[in-house]
PDB file of N, CA and C in Angstrom:
ATOM      1  N   HIS A   1      87.469 118.914  84.739  1.00  0.00           N
ATOM      2  CA  HIS A   1      86.059 118.678  84.470  1.00  0.00           C
ATOM      3  C   HIS A   1      85.919 117.303  83.832  1.00  0.00           C
ATOM      4  N   LEU A   2      85.163 116.420  84.483  1.00  0.00           N
ATOM      5  CA  LEU A   2      84.964 115.047  84.018  1.00  0.00           C
ATOM      6  C   LEU A   2      83.491 114.824  83.718  1.00  0.00           C
ATOM      7  N   VAL A   3      83.210 114.178  82.605  1.00  0.00           N
ATOM      8  CA  VAL A   3      81.830 113.925  82.212  1.00  0.00           C
ATOM      9  C   VAL A   3      81.671 112.448  81.884  1.00  0.00           C
ATOM     10  N   GLU A   4      80.790 111.785  82.645  1.00  0.00           N
ATOM     11  CA  GLU A   4      80.522 110.370  82.402  1.00  0.00           C
ATOM     12  C   GLU A   4      79.335 110.209  81.463  1.00  0.00           C
ATOM     13  N   SER A   5      79.327 109.077  80.778  1.00  0.00           N
ATOM     14  CA  SER A   5      78.190 108.712  79.950  1.00  0.00           C
ATOM     15  C   SER A   5      78.162 107.194  79.821  1.00  0.00           C
ATOM     16  N   GLY A   6      77.031 106.685  79.340  1.00  0.00           N
ATOM     17  CA  GLY A   6      76.935 105.262  79.057  1.00  0.00           C
ATOM     18  C   GLY A   6      76.112 104.459  80.029  1.00  0.00           C
ATOM     19  N   GLY A   7      75.615 105.085  81.075  1.00  0.00           N
ATOM     20  CA  GLY A   7      74.788 104.352  82.018  1.00  0.00           C
ATOM     21  C   GLY A   7      73.428 104.013  81.427  1.00  0.00           C
ATOM     22  N   GLY A   8      72.658 103.219  82.160  1.00  0.00           N
ATOM     23  CA  GLY A   8      71.328 102.866  81.690  1.00  0.00           C
ATOM     24  C   GLY A   8      70.774 101.666  82.425  1.00  0.00           C
ATOM     25  N   LEU A   9      69.711 101.125  81.864  1.00  0.00           N
ATOM     26  CA  LEU A   9      69.036  99.951  82.426  1.00  0.00           C
ATOM     27  C   LEU A   9      69.387  98.733  81.589  1.00  0.00           C
ATOM     28  N   VAL A  10      69.792  97.670  82.255  1.00  0.00           N
ATOM     29  CA  VAL A  10      70.180  96.450  81.553  1.00  0.00           C
ATOM     30  C   VAL A  10      69.737  95.243  82.375  1.00  0.00           C
ATOM     31  N   GLN A  11      69.464  94.142  81.703  1.00  0.00           N
ATOM     32  CA  GLN A  11      69.094  92.913  82.404  1.00  0.00           C
ATOM     33  C   GLN A  11      70.341  92.219  82.948  1.00  0.00           C
ATOM     34  N   ALA A  12      70.141  91.451  83.976  1.00  0.00           N
ATOM     35  CA  ALA A  12      71.241  90.680  84.545  1.00  0.00           C
ATOM     36  C   ALA A  12      71.887  89.820  83.462  1.00  0.00           C
ATOM     37  N   GLY A  13      73.221  89.806  83.484  1.00  0.00           N
ATOM     38  CA  GLY A  13      73.962  89.082  82.463  1.00  0.00           C
ATOM     39  C   GLY A  13      74.360  89.942  81.282  1.00  0.00           C
ATOM     40  N   GLY A  14      73.804  91.131  81.210  1.00  0.00           N
ATOM     41  CA  GLY A  14      74.095  92.027  80.113  1.00  0.00           C
ATOM     42  C   GLY A  14      75.365  92.826  80.323  1.00  0.00           C
ATOM     43  N   SER A  15      75.617  93.741  79.391  1.00  0.00           N
ATOM     44  CA  SER A  15      76.845  94.539  79.404  1.00  0.00           C
ATOM     45  C   SER A  15      76.536  96.015  79.192  1.00  0.00           C
ATOM     46  N   LEU A  16      77.404  96.843  79.730  1.00  0.00           N
ATOM     47  CA  LEU A  16      77.375  98.280  79.489  1.00  0.00           C
ATOM     48  C   LEU A  16      78.818  98.763  79.440  1.00  0.00           C
ATOM     49  N   LYS A  17      79.038  99.858  78.708  1.00  0.00           N
ATOM     50  CA  LYS A  17      80.359 100.484  78.687  1.00  0.00           C
ATOM     51  C   LYS A  17      80.204 101.939  79.074  1.00  0.00           C
ATOM     52  N   LEU A  18      80.844 102.312  80.169  1.00  0.00           N
ATOM     53  CA  LEU A  18      80.824 103.688  80.632  1.00  0.00           C
ATOM     54  C   LEU A  18      82.036 104.436  80.081  1.00  0.00           C
ATOM     55  N   SER A  19      81.841 105.716  79.828  1.00  0.00           N
ATOM     56  CA  SER A  19      82.928 106.580  79.386  1.00  0.00           C
ATOM     57  C   SER A  19      83.057 107.750  80.332  1.00  0.00           C
ATOM     58  N   CYS A  20      84.265 108.238  80.467  1.00  0.00           N
ATOM     59  CA  CYS A  20      84.535 109.414  81.292  1.00  0.00           C
ATOM     60  C   CYS A  20      85.530 110.273  80.524  1.00  0.00           C
ATOM     61  N   ALA A  21      85.060 111.404  80.050  1.00  0.00           N
ATOM     62  CA  ALA A  21      85.885 112.289  79.247  1.00  0.00           C
ATOM     63  C   ALA A  21      86.348 113.473  80.081  1.00  0.00           C
ATOM     64  N   ALA A  22      87.651 113.741  80.015  1.00  0.00           N
ATOM     65  CA  ALA A  22      88.216 114.884  80.722  1.00  0.00           C
ATOM     66  C   ALA A  22      88.345 116.052  79.764  1.00  0.00           C
ATOM     67  N   SER A  23      88.014 117.236  80.268  1.00  0.00           N
ATOM     68  CA  SER A  23      88.066 118.428  79.422  1.00  0.00           C
ATOM     69  C   SER A  23      89.480 118.963  79.277  1.00  0.00           C
ATOM     70  N   GLU A  24      90.373 118.502  80.144  1.00  0.00           N
ATOM     71  CA  GLU A  24      91.762 118.928  80.073  1.00  0.00           C
ATOM     72  C   GLU A  24      92.672 117.706  79.973  1.00  0.00           C
ATOM     73  N   ARG A  25      93.918 117.972  79.633  1.00  0.00           N
ATOM     74  CA  ARG A  25      94.876 116.891  79.475  1.00  0.00           C
ATOM     75  C   ARG A  25      95.055 116.122  80.774  1.00  0.00           C
ATOM     76  N   ILE A  26      95.132 114.801  80.647  1.00  0.00           N
ATOM     77  CA  ILE A  26      95.456 113.934  81.769  1.00  0.00           C
ATOM     78  C   ILE A  26      96.944 113.607  81.689  1.00  0.00           C
ATOM     79  N   TYR A  27      97.642 113.799  82.759  1.00  0.00           N
ATOM     80  CA  TYR A  27      99.091 113.618  82.755  1.00  0.00           C
ATOM     81  C   TYR A  27      99.474 112.189  83.135  1.00  0.00           C
ATOM     82  N   SER A  28     100.678 111.798  82.719  1.00  0.00           N
ATOM     83  CA  SER A  28     101.133 110.436  82.971  1.00  0.00           C
ATOM     84  C   SER A  28     101.250 110.137  84.464  1.00  0.00           C
ATOM     85  N   SER A  29     101.343 111.164  85.272  1.00  0.00           N
ATOM     86  CA  SER A  29     101.428 110.967  86.724  1.00  0.00           C
ATOM     87  C   SER A  29     100.063 110.795  87.382  1.00  0.00           C
ATOM     88  N   ASN A  30      98.999 110.984  86.619  1.00  0.00           N
ATOM     89  CA  ASN A  30      97.651 110.895  87.173  1.00  0.00           C
ATOM     90  C   ASN A  30      97.159 109.455  87.258  1.00  0.00           C
ATOM     91  N   PHE A  31      96.153 109.285  88.109  1.00  0.00           N
ATOM     92  CA  PHE A  31      95.430 108.028  88.231  1.00  0.00           C
ATOM     93  C   PHE A  31      93.952 108.306  88.018  1.00  0.00           C
ATOM     94  N   MET A  32      93.328 107.469  87.245  1.00  0.00           N
ATOM     95  CA  MET A  32      91.897 107.573  86.991  1.00  0.00           C
ATOM     96  C   MET A  32      91.210 106.400  87.671  1.00  0.00           C
ATOM     97  N   ALA A  33      90.050 106.654  88.230  1.00  0.00           N
ATOM     98  CA  ALA A  33      89.346 105.593  88.941  1.00  0.00           C
ATOM     99  C   ALA A  33      87.854 105.677  88.705  1.00  0.00           C
ATOM    100  N   TRP A  34      87.215 104.552  88.865  1.00  0.00           N
ATOM    101  CA  TRP A  34      85.757 104.463  88.898  1.00  0.00           C
ATOM    102  C   TRP A  34      85.338 104.044  90.302  1.00  0.00           C
ATOM    103  N   PHE A  35      84.341 104.733  90.822  1.00  0.00           N
ATOM    104  CA  PHE A  35      83.704 104.386  92.079  1.00  0.00           C
ATOM    105  C   PHE A  35      82.217 104.225  91.818  1.00  0.00           C
ATOM    106  N   ARG A  36      81.528 103.609  92.758  1.00  0.00           N
ATOM    107  CA  ARG A  36      80.079 103.502  92.623  1.00  0.00           C
ATOM    108  C   ARG A  36      79.420 103.645  93.982  1.00  0.00           C
ATOM    109  N   LYS A  37      78.186 104.137  93.965  1.00  0.00           N
ATOM    110  CA  LYS A  37      77.421 104.300  95.191  1.00  0.00           C
ATOM    111  C   LYS A  37      76.098 103.567  95.022  1.00  0.00           C
ATOM    112  N   PRO A  38      76.010 102.364  95.584  1.00  0.00           N
ATOM    113  CA  PRO A  38      74.744 101.619  95.526  1.00  0.00           C
ATOM    114  C   PRO A  38      73.684 102.307  96.369  1.00  0.00           C
ATOM    115  N   PRO A  39      72.422 102.087  96.093  1.00  0.00           N
ATOM    116  CA  PRO A  39      71.373 102.732  96.878  1.00  0.00           C
ATOM    117  C   PRO A  39      71.458 102.346  98.350  1.00  0.00           C
ATOM    118  N   GLY A  40      71.476 103.353  99.206  1.00  0.00           N
ATOM    119  CA  GLY A  40      71.508 103.134 100.636  1.00  0.00           C
ATOM    120  C   GLY A  40      72.843 102.705 101.203  1.00  0.00           C
ATOM    121  N   LYS A  41      73.876 102.736 100.365  1.00  0.00           N
ATOM    122  CA  LYS A  41      75.201 102.303 100.822  1.00  0.00           C
ATOM    123  C   LYS A  41      76.240 103.395 100.598  1.00  0.00           C
ATOM    124  N   GLU A  42      77.422 103.168 101.160  1.00  0.00           N
ATOM    125  CA  GLU A  42      78.519 104.106 100.968  1.00  0.00           C
ATOM    126  C   GLU A  42      79.139 103.929  99.580  1.00  0.00           C
ATOM    127  N   ARG A  43      79.806 104.976  99.140  1.00  0.00           N
ATOM    128  CA  ARG A  43      80.537 104.889  97.874  1.00  0.00           C
ATOM    129  C   ARG A  43      81.669 103.875  98.008  1.00  0.00           C
ATOM    130  N   GLU A  44      81.900 103.111  96.949  1.00  0.00           N
ATOM    131  CA  GLU A  44      82.934 102.072  96.999  1.00  0.00           C
ATOM    132  C   GLU A  44      83.785 102.094  95.747  1.00  0.00           C
ATOM    133  N   PHE A  45      85.019 101.660  95.928  1.00  0.00           N
ATOM    134  CA  PHE A  45      85.973 101.589  94.831  1.00  0.00           C
ATOM    135  C   PHE A  45      85.577 100.479  93.869  1.00  0.00           C
ATOM    136  N   VAL A  46      85.758 100.742  92.563  1.00  0.00           N
ATOM    137  CA  VAL A  46      85.484  99.743  91.541  1.00  0.00           C
ATOM    138  C   VAL A  46      86.770  99.358  90.803  1.00  0.00           C
ATOM    139  N   ALA A  47      87.455 100.359  90.237  1.00  0.00           N
ATOM    140  CA  ALA A  47      88.651 100.078  89.450  1.00  0.00           C
ATOM    141  C   ALA A  47      89.478 101.353  89.319  1.00  0.00           C
ATOM    142  N   ARG A  48      90.776 101.185  89.110  1.00  0.00           N
ATOM    143  CA  ARG A  48      91.621 102.345  88.862  1.00  0.00           C
ATOM    144  C   ARG A  48      92.670 102.003  87.829  1.00  0.00           C
ATOM    145  N   LEU A  49      93.220 103.057  87.215  1.00  0.00           N
ATOM    146  CA  LEU A  49      94.200 102.898  86.133  1.00  0.00           C
ATOM    147  C   LEU A  49      95.245 104.002  86.239  1.00  0.00           C
ATOM    148  N   GLY A  50      96.509 103.621  86.168  1.00  0.00           N
ATOM    149  CA  GLY A  50      97.588 104.595  86.122  1.00  0.00           C
ATOM    150  C   GLY A  50      97.735 105.085  84.697  1.00  0.00           C
ATOM    151  N   TRP A  51      97.592 106.396  84.509  1.00  0.00           N
ATOM    152  CA  TRP A  51      97.551 106.917  83.147  1.00  0.00           C
ATOM    153  C   TRP A  51      98.857 106.681  82.401  1.00  0.00           C
ATOM    154  N   GLY A  52      99.989 106.791  83.094  1.00  0.00           N
ATOM    155  CA  GLY A  52     101.271 106.666  82.424  1.00  0.00           C
ATOM    156  C   GLY A  52     101.602 105.240  82.009  1.00  0.00           C
ATOM    157  N   PHE A  53     101.475 104.284  82.925  1.00  0.00           N
ATOM    158  CA  PHE A  53     101.856 102.898  82.656  1.00  0.00           C
ATOM    159  C   PHE A  53     100.669 101.999  82.334  1.00  0.00           C
ATOM    160  N   GLY A  54      99.482 102.484  82.570  1.00  0.00           N
ATOM    161  CA  GLY A  54      98.304 101.678  82.278  1.00  0.00           C
ATOM    162  C   GLY A  54      98.053 100.555  83.259  1.00  0.00           C
ATOM    163  N   ASN A  55      98.717 100.582  84.422  1.00  0.00           N
ATOM    164  CA  ASN A  55      98.501  99.546  85.423  1.00  0.00           C
ATOM    165  C   ASN A  55      97.108  99.685  86.024  1.00  0.00           C
ATOM    166  N   THR A  56      96.509  98.561  86.301  1.00  0.00           N
ATOM    167  CA  THR A  56      95.111  98.563  86.758  1.00  0.00           C
ATOM    168  C   THR A  56      94.934  97.779  88.061  1.00  0.00           C
ATOM    169  N   ARG A  57      93.887  98.116  88.768  1.00  0.00           N
ATOM    170  CA  ARG A  57      93.456  97.395  89.973  1.00  0.00           C
ATOM    171  C   ARG A  57      91.941  97.352  89.985  1.00  0.00           C
ATOM    172  N   TYR A  58      91.398  96.266  90.543  1.00  0.00           N
ATOM    173  CA  TYR A  58      89.957  96.094  90.581  1.00  0.00           C
ATOM    174  C   TYR A  58      89.500  95.673  91.967  1.00  0.00           C
ATOM    175  N   ALA A  59      88.283  96.046  92.287  1.00  0.00           N
ATOM    176  CA  ALA A  59      87.647  95.510  93.482  1.00  0.00           C
ATOM    177  C   ALA A  59      87.375  94.024  93.249  1.00  0.00           C
ATOM    178  N   ASP A  60      87.444  93.240  94.299  1.00  0.00           N
ATOM    179  CA  ASP A  60      87.213  91.798  94.164  1.00  0.00           C
ATOM    180  C   ASP A  60      85.833  91.503  93.579  1.00  0.00           C
ATOM    181  N   SER A  61      84.870  92.344  93.894  1.00  0.00           N
ATOM    182  CA  SER A  61      83.497  92.102  93.467  1.00  0.00           C
ATOM    183  C   SER A  61      83.300  92.235  91.961  1.00  0.00           C
ATOM    184  N   VAL A  62      84.233  92.884  91.268  1.00  0.00           N
ATOM    185  CA  VAL A  62      84.079  93.093  89.820  1.00  0.00           C
ATOM    186  C   VAL A  62      85.182  92.438  89.013  1.00  0.00           C
ATOM    187  N   LYS A  63      86.172  91.881  89.692  1.00  0.00           N
ATOM    188  CA  LYS A  63      87.311  91.284  89.004  1.00  0.00           C
ATOM    189  C   LYS A  63      86.856  90.180  88.068  1.00  0.00           C
ATOM    190  N   GLY A  64      87.356  90.227  86.840  1.00  0.00           N
ATOM    191  CA  GLY A  64      86.974  89.229  85.847  1.00  0.00           C
ATOM    192  C   GLY A  64      85.738  89.600  85.050  1.00  0.00           C
ATOM    193  N   ARG A  65      85.003  90.619  85.512  1.00  0.00           N
ATOM    194  CA  ARG A  65      83.788  91.051  84.798  1.00  0.00           C
ATOM    195  C   ARG A  65      83.921  92.459  84.228  1.00  0.00           C
ATOM    196  N   PHE A  66      84.639  93.325  84.929  1.00  0.00           N
ATOM    197  CA  PHE A  66      84.809  94.714  84.518  1.00  0.00           C
ATOM    198  C   PHE A  66      86.236  94.935  84.021  1.00  0.00           C
ATOM    199  N   THR A  67      86.372  95.847  83.058  1.00  0.00           N
ATOM    200  CA  THR A  67      87.692  96.212  82.534  1.00  0.00           C
ATOM    201  C   THR A  67      87.788  97.718  82.404  1.00  0.00           C
ATOM    202  N   ILE A  68      88.813  98.300  83.010  1.00  0.00           N
ATOM    203  CA  ILE A  68      89.071  99.729  82.876  1.00  0.00           C
ATOM    204  C   ILE A  68      90.137  99.909  81.800  1.00  0.00           C
ATOM    205  N   SER A  69      89.931 100.906  80.947  1.00  0.00           N
ATOM    206  CA  SER A  69      90.873 101.161  79.866  1.00  0.00           C
ATOM    207  C   SER A  69      90.877 102.642  79.549  1.00  0.00           C
ATOM    208  N   LYS A  70      91.768 103.043  78.644  1.00  0.00           N
ATOM    209  CA  LYS A  70      91.872 104.460  78.324  1.00  0.00           C
ATOM    210  C   LYS A  70      92.065 104.675  76.843  1.00  0.00           C
ATOM    211  N   ASP A  71      91.742 105.899  76.423  1.00  0.00           N
ATOM    212  CA  ASP A  71      92.103 106.396  75.105  1.00  0.00           C
ATOM    213  C   ASP A  71      92.869 107.687  75.357  1.00  0.00           C
ATOM    214  N   GLY A  72      94.195 107.605  75.289  1.00  0.00           N
ATOM    215  CA  GLY A  72      95.020 108.740  75.636  1.00  0.00           C
ATOM    216  C   GLY A  72      94.719 109.998  74.851  1.00  0.00           C
ATOM    217  N   PRO A  73      94.725 109.940  73.525  1.00  0.00           N
ATOM    218  CA  PRO A  73      94.467 111.159  72.735  1.00  0.00           C
ATOM    219  C   PRO A  73      93.105 111.791  73.011  1.00  0.00           C
ATOM    220  N   LYS A  74      92.150 110.990  73.449  1.00  0.00           N
ATOM    221  CA  LYS A  74      90.822 111.527  73.739  1.00  0.00           C
ATOM    222  C   LYS A  74      90.651 111.905  75.205  1.00  0.00           C
ATOM    223  N   ASN A  75      91.697 111.694  76.002  1.00  0.00           N
ATOM    224  CA  ASN A  75      91.600 111.984  77.442  1.00  0.00           C
ATOM    225  C   ASN A  75      90.356 111.340  78.050  1.00  0.00           C
ATOM    226  N   THR A  76      90.148 110.089  77.703  1.00  0.00           N
ATOM    227  CA  THR A  76      88.938 109.388  78.113  1.00  0.00           C
ATOM    228  C   THR A  76      89.289 108.050  78.751  1.00  0.00           C
ATOM    229  N   VAL A  77      88.602 107.736  79.819  1.00  0.00           N
ATOM    230  CA  VAL A  77      88.741 106.430  80.467  1.00  0.00           C
ATOM    231  C   VAL A  77      87.404 105.708  80.357  1.00  0.00           C
ATOM    232  N   TYR A  78      87.476 104.394  80.210  1.00  0.00           N
ATOM    233  CA  TYR A  78      86.283 103.595  80.013  1.00  0.00           C
ATOM    234  C   TYR A  78      86.152 102.546  81.117  1.00  0.00           C
ATOM    235  N   LEU A  79      84.939 102.078  81.294  1.00  0.00           N
ATOM    236  CA  LEU A  79      84.695 100.942  82.172  1.00  0.00           C
ATOM    237  C   LEU A  79      83.754 100.002  81.428  1.00  0.00           C
ATOM    238  N   GLN A  80      84.299  98.919  80.920  1.00  0.00           N
ATOM    239  CA  GLN A  80      83.497  97.893  80.271  1.00  0.00           C
ATOM    240  C   GLN A  80      82.984  96.952  81.345  1.00  0.00           C
ATOM    241  N   MET A  81      81.675  96.812  81.411  1.00  0.00           N
ATOM    242  CA  MET A  81      81.053  95.997  82.452  1.00  0.00           C
ATOM    243  C   MET A  81      80.294  94.852  81.801  1.00  0.00           C
ATOM    244  N   ASN A  82      80.739  93.640  82.058  1.00  0.00           N
ATOM    245  CA  ASN A  82      80.108  92.442  81.501  1.00  0.00           C
ATOM    246  C   ASN A  82      79.490  91.603  82.611  1.00  0.00           C
ATOM    247  N   ASP A  83      78.591  90.715  82.226  1.00  0.00           N
ATOM    248  CA  ASP A  83      77.945  89.812  83.186  1.00  0.00           C
ATOM    249  C   ASP A  83      77.420  90.596  84.387  1.00  0.00           C
ATOM    250  N   LEU A  84      76.678  91.649  84.109  1.00  0.00           N
ATOM    251  CA  LEU A  84      76.188  92.521  85.175  1.00  0.00           C
ATOM    252  C   LEU A  84      75.200  91.791  86.062  1.00  0.00           C
ATOM    253  N   LYS A  85      75.226  92.153  87.338  1.00  0.00           N
ATOM    254  CA  LYS A  85      74.367  91.552  88.348  1.00  0.00           C
ATOM    255  C   LYS A  85      73.530  92.639  89.010  1.00  0.00           C
ATOM    256  N   PRO A  86      72.392  92.292  89.581  1.00  0.00           N
ATOM    257  CA  PRO A  86      71.576  93.314  90.252  1.00  0.00           C
ATOM    258  C   PRO A  86      72.352  94.091  91.319  1.00  0.00           C
ATOM    259  N   GLU A  87      73.302  93.441  91.963  1.00  0.00           N
ATOM    260  CA  GLU A  87      74.087  94.131  92.993  1.00  0.00           C
ATOM    261  C   GLU A  87      75.079  95.132  92.418  1.00  0.00           C
ATOM    262  N   ASP A  88      75.208  95.195  91.088  1.00  0.00           N
ATOM    263  CA  ASP A  88      76.029  96.227  90.458  1.00  0.00           C
ATOM    264  C   ASP A  88      75.255  97.534  90.288  1.00  0.00           C
ATOM    265  N   THR A  89      73.972  97.528  90.594  1.00  0.00           N
ATOM    266  CA  THR A  89      73.161  98.739  90.490  1.00  0.00           C
ATOM    267  C   THR A  89      73.714  99.825  91.394  1.00  0.00           C
ATOM    268  N   ALA A  90      73.995 100.990  90.799  1.00  0.00           N
ATOM    269  CA  ALA A  90      74.619 102.080  91.550  1.00  0.00           C
ATOM    270  C   ALA A  90      74.756 103.294  90.642  1.00  0.00           C
ATOM    271  N   VAL A  91      75.116 104.418  91.259  1.00  0.00           N
ATOM    272  CA  VAL A  91      75.580 105.577  90.505  1.00  0.00           C
ATOM    273  C   VAL A  91      77.096 105.438  90.374  1.00  0.00           C
ATOM    274  N   TYR A  92      77.567 105.407  89.141  1.00  0.00           N
ATOM    275  CA  TYR A  92      78.994 105.233  88.867  1.00  0.00           C
ATOM    276  C   TYR A  92      79.611 106.590  88.568  1.00  0.00           C
ATOM    277  N   SER A  93      80.737 106.878  89.230  1.00  0.00           N
ATOM    278  CA  SER A  93      81.434 108.144  89.042  1.00  0.00           C
ATOM    279  C   SER A  93      82.896 107.892  88.742  1.00  0.00           C
ATOM    280  N   CYS A  94      83.457 108.729  87.883  1.00  0.00           N
ATOM    281  CA  CYS A  94      84.890 108.655  87.639  1.00  0.00           C
ATOM    282  C   CYS A  94      85.576 109.778  88.404  1.00  0.00           C
ATOM    283  N   ALA A  95      86.847 109.570  88.655  1.00  0.00           N
ATOM    284  CA  ALA A  95      87.617 110.539  89.417  1.00  0.00           C
ATOM    285  C   ALA A  95      89.062 110.529  88.946  1.00  0.00           C
ATOM    286  N   ILE A  96      89.740 111.658  89.176  1.00  0.00           N
ATOM    287  CA  ILE A  96      91.144 111.773  88.824  1.00  0.00           C
ATOM    288  C   ILE A  96      91.926 112.205  90.054  1.00  0.00           C
ATOM    289  N   GLY A  97      93.095 111.613  90.221  1.00  0.00           N
ATOM    290  CA  GLY A  97      93.913 111.964  91.373  1.00  0.00           C
ATOM    291  C   GLY A  97      95.383 111.810  91.071  1.00  0.00           C
ATOM    292  N   ARG A  98      96.178 112.025  92.103  1.00  0.00           N
ATOM    293  CA  ARG A  98      97.631 112.001  91.968  1.00  0.00           C
ATOM    294  C   ARG A  98      98.276 110.782  92.611  1.00  0.00           C
ATOM    295  N   TYR A  99      97.444 109.931  93.229  1.00  0.00           N
ATOM    296  CA  TYR A  99      97.981 108.789  93.959  1.00  0.00           C
ATOM    297  C   TYR A  99      97.303 107.502  93.518  1.00  0.00           C
ATOM    298  N   SER A 100      98.071 106.426  93.604  1.00  0.00           N
ATOM    299  CA  SER A 100      97.544 105.102  93.288  1.00  0.00           C
ATOM    300  C   SER A 100      96.864 104.564  94.543  1.00  0.00           C
ATOM    301  N   THR A 101      95.545 104.763  94.634  1.00  0.00           N
ATOM    302  CA  THR A 101      94.830 104.431  95.858  1.00  0.00           C
ATOM    303  C   THR A 101      93.396 104.050  95.565  1.00  0.00           C
ATOM    304  N   ASN A 102      92.813 103.258  96.473  1.00  0.00           N
ATOM    305  CA  ASN A 102      91.396 102.919  96.384  1.00  0.00           C
ATOM    306  C   ASN A 102      90.534 103.866  97.216  1.00  0.00           C
ATOM    307  N   SER A 103      91.156 104.787  97.912  1.00  0.00           N
ATOM    308  CA  SER A 103      90.418 105.686  98.799  1.00  0.00           C
ATOM    309  C   SER A 103      89.844 106.857  98.039  1.00  0.00           C
ATOM    310  N   ASP A 104      88.539 107.039  98.121  1.00  0.00           N
ATOM    311  CA  ASP A 104      87.919 108.134  97.382  1.00  0.00           C
ATOM    312  C   ASP A 104      88.380 109.490  97.905  1.00  0.00           C
ATOM    313  N   ARG A 105      88.837 109.550  99.130  1.00  0.00           N
ATOM    314  CA  ARG A 105      89.270 110.831  99.691  1.00  0.00           C
ATOM    315  C   ARG A 105      90.554 111.343  99.049  1.00  0.00           C
ATOM    316  N   GLN A 106      91.260 110.475  98.350  1.00  0.00           N
ATOM    317  CA  GLN A 106      92.525 110.860  97.739  1.00  0.00           C
ATOM    318  C   GLN A 106      92.365 111.341  96.300  1.00  0.00           C
ATOM    319  N   TYR A 107      91.156 111.371  95.797  1.00  0.00           N
ATOM    320  CA  TYR A 107      90.939 111.818  94.426  1.00  0.00           C
ATOM    321  C   TYR A 107      90.479 113.269  94.435  1.00  0.00           C
ATOM    322  N   ASP A 108      90.963 114.023  93.453  1.00  0.00           N
ATOM    323  CA  ASP A 108      90.812 115.473  93.480  1.00  0.00           C
ATOM    324  C   ASP A 108      89.571 115.981  92.751  1.00  0.00           C
ATOM    325  N   TYR A 109      89.231 115.384  91.642  1.00  0.00           N
ATOM    326  CA  TYR A 109      88.114 115.859  90.833  1.00  0.00           C
ATOM    327  C   TYR A 109      87.224 114.697  90.453  1.00  0.00           C
ATOM    328  N   TRP A 110      85.931 114.995  90.376  1.00  0.00           N
ATOM    329  CA  TRP A 110      84.926 113.962  90.155  1.00  0.00           C
ATOM    330  C   TRP A 110      83.951 114.373  89.053  1.00  0.00           C
ATOM    331  N   GLY A 111      83.440 113.370  88.363  1.00  0.00           N
ATOM    332  CA  GLY A 111      82.340 113.594  87.452  1.00  0.00           C
ATOM    333  C   GLY A 111      81.023 113.615  88.211  1.00  0.00           C
ATOM    334  N   GLN A 112      79.941 113.874  87.473  1.00  0.00           N
ATOM    335  CA  GLN A 112      78.628 114.016  88.106  1.00  0.00           C
ATOM    336  C   GLN A 112      77.964 112.672  88.382  1.00  0.00           C
ATOM    337  N   GLY A 113      78.466 111.621  87.749  1.00  0.00           N
ATOM    338  CA  GLY A 113      77.914 110.286  87.958  1.00  0.00           C
ATOM    339  C   GLY A 113      76.906 109.895  86.900  1.00  0.00           C
ATOM    340  N   THR A 114      76.801 108.599  86.680  1.00  0.00           N
ATOM    341  CA  THR A 114      75.826 108.064  85.733  1.00  0.00           C
ATOM    342  C   THR A 114      75.175 106.831  86.358  1.00  0.00           C
ATOM    343  N   GLN A 115      73.871 106.724  86.215  1.00  0.00           N
ATOM    344  CA  GLN A 115      73.123 105.645  86.864  1.00  0.00           C
ATOM    345  C   GLN A 115      73.211 104.358  86.049  1.00  0.00           C
ATOM    346  N   VAL A 116      73.522 103.277  86.726  1.00  0.00           N
ATOM    347  CA  VAL A 116      73.480 101.938  86.144  1.00  0.00           C
ATOM    348  C   VAL A 116      72.484 101.118  86.953  1.00  0.00           C
ATOM    349  N   THR A 117      71.490 100.587  86.276  1.00  0.00           N
ATOM    350  CA  THR A 117      70.479  99.772  86.925  1.00  0.00           C
ATOM    351  C   THR A 117      70.429  98.413  86.256  1.00  0.00           C
ATOM    352  N   VAL A 118      70.595  97.361  87.054  1.00  0.00           N
ATOM    353  CA  VAL A 118      70.589  95.999  86.535  1.00  0.00           C
ATOM    354  C   VAL A 118      69.362  95.293  87.092  1.00  0.00           C
ATOM    355  N   SER A 119      68.486  94.870  86.201  1.00  0.00           N
ATOM    356  CA  SER A 119      67.263  94.183  86.625  1.00  0.00           C
ATOM    357  C   SER A 119      67.482  92.673  86.649  1.00  0.00           C
ATOM    358  N   SER A 120      66.784  92.018  87.545  1.00  0.00           N
ATOM    359  CA  SER A 120      66.941  90.561  87.678  1.00  0.00           C
ATOM    360  C   SER A 120      65.985  89.802  86.779  1.00  0.00           C
TER     361      SER A 120
END
């Protein structure tokens, strides 16, 4: 069970920090990821993190602006989003899986999503 929080409305250039809390322990073999679904578009990969080693990957569109991180004892993953742009507007969802992949089909459990709206 994953629960996201931290979404909202922000002006372009602003920042938001999303949180995703897991109700159960996340294992070192797991991978946590953030995806987003812009209005009228398909869901797309944003960032992922290997829980055990903390290795990260980012979509080119967010590289240098977004940072994925974790708090192990809290079983929580974060997405710090800086220099937000109107094209970042989307429903952001976190997911947990067993493979290091950008494919949403490979993730096993998903949160309900949180809306991020960036105004110009």
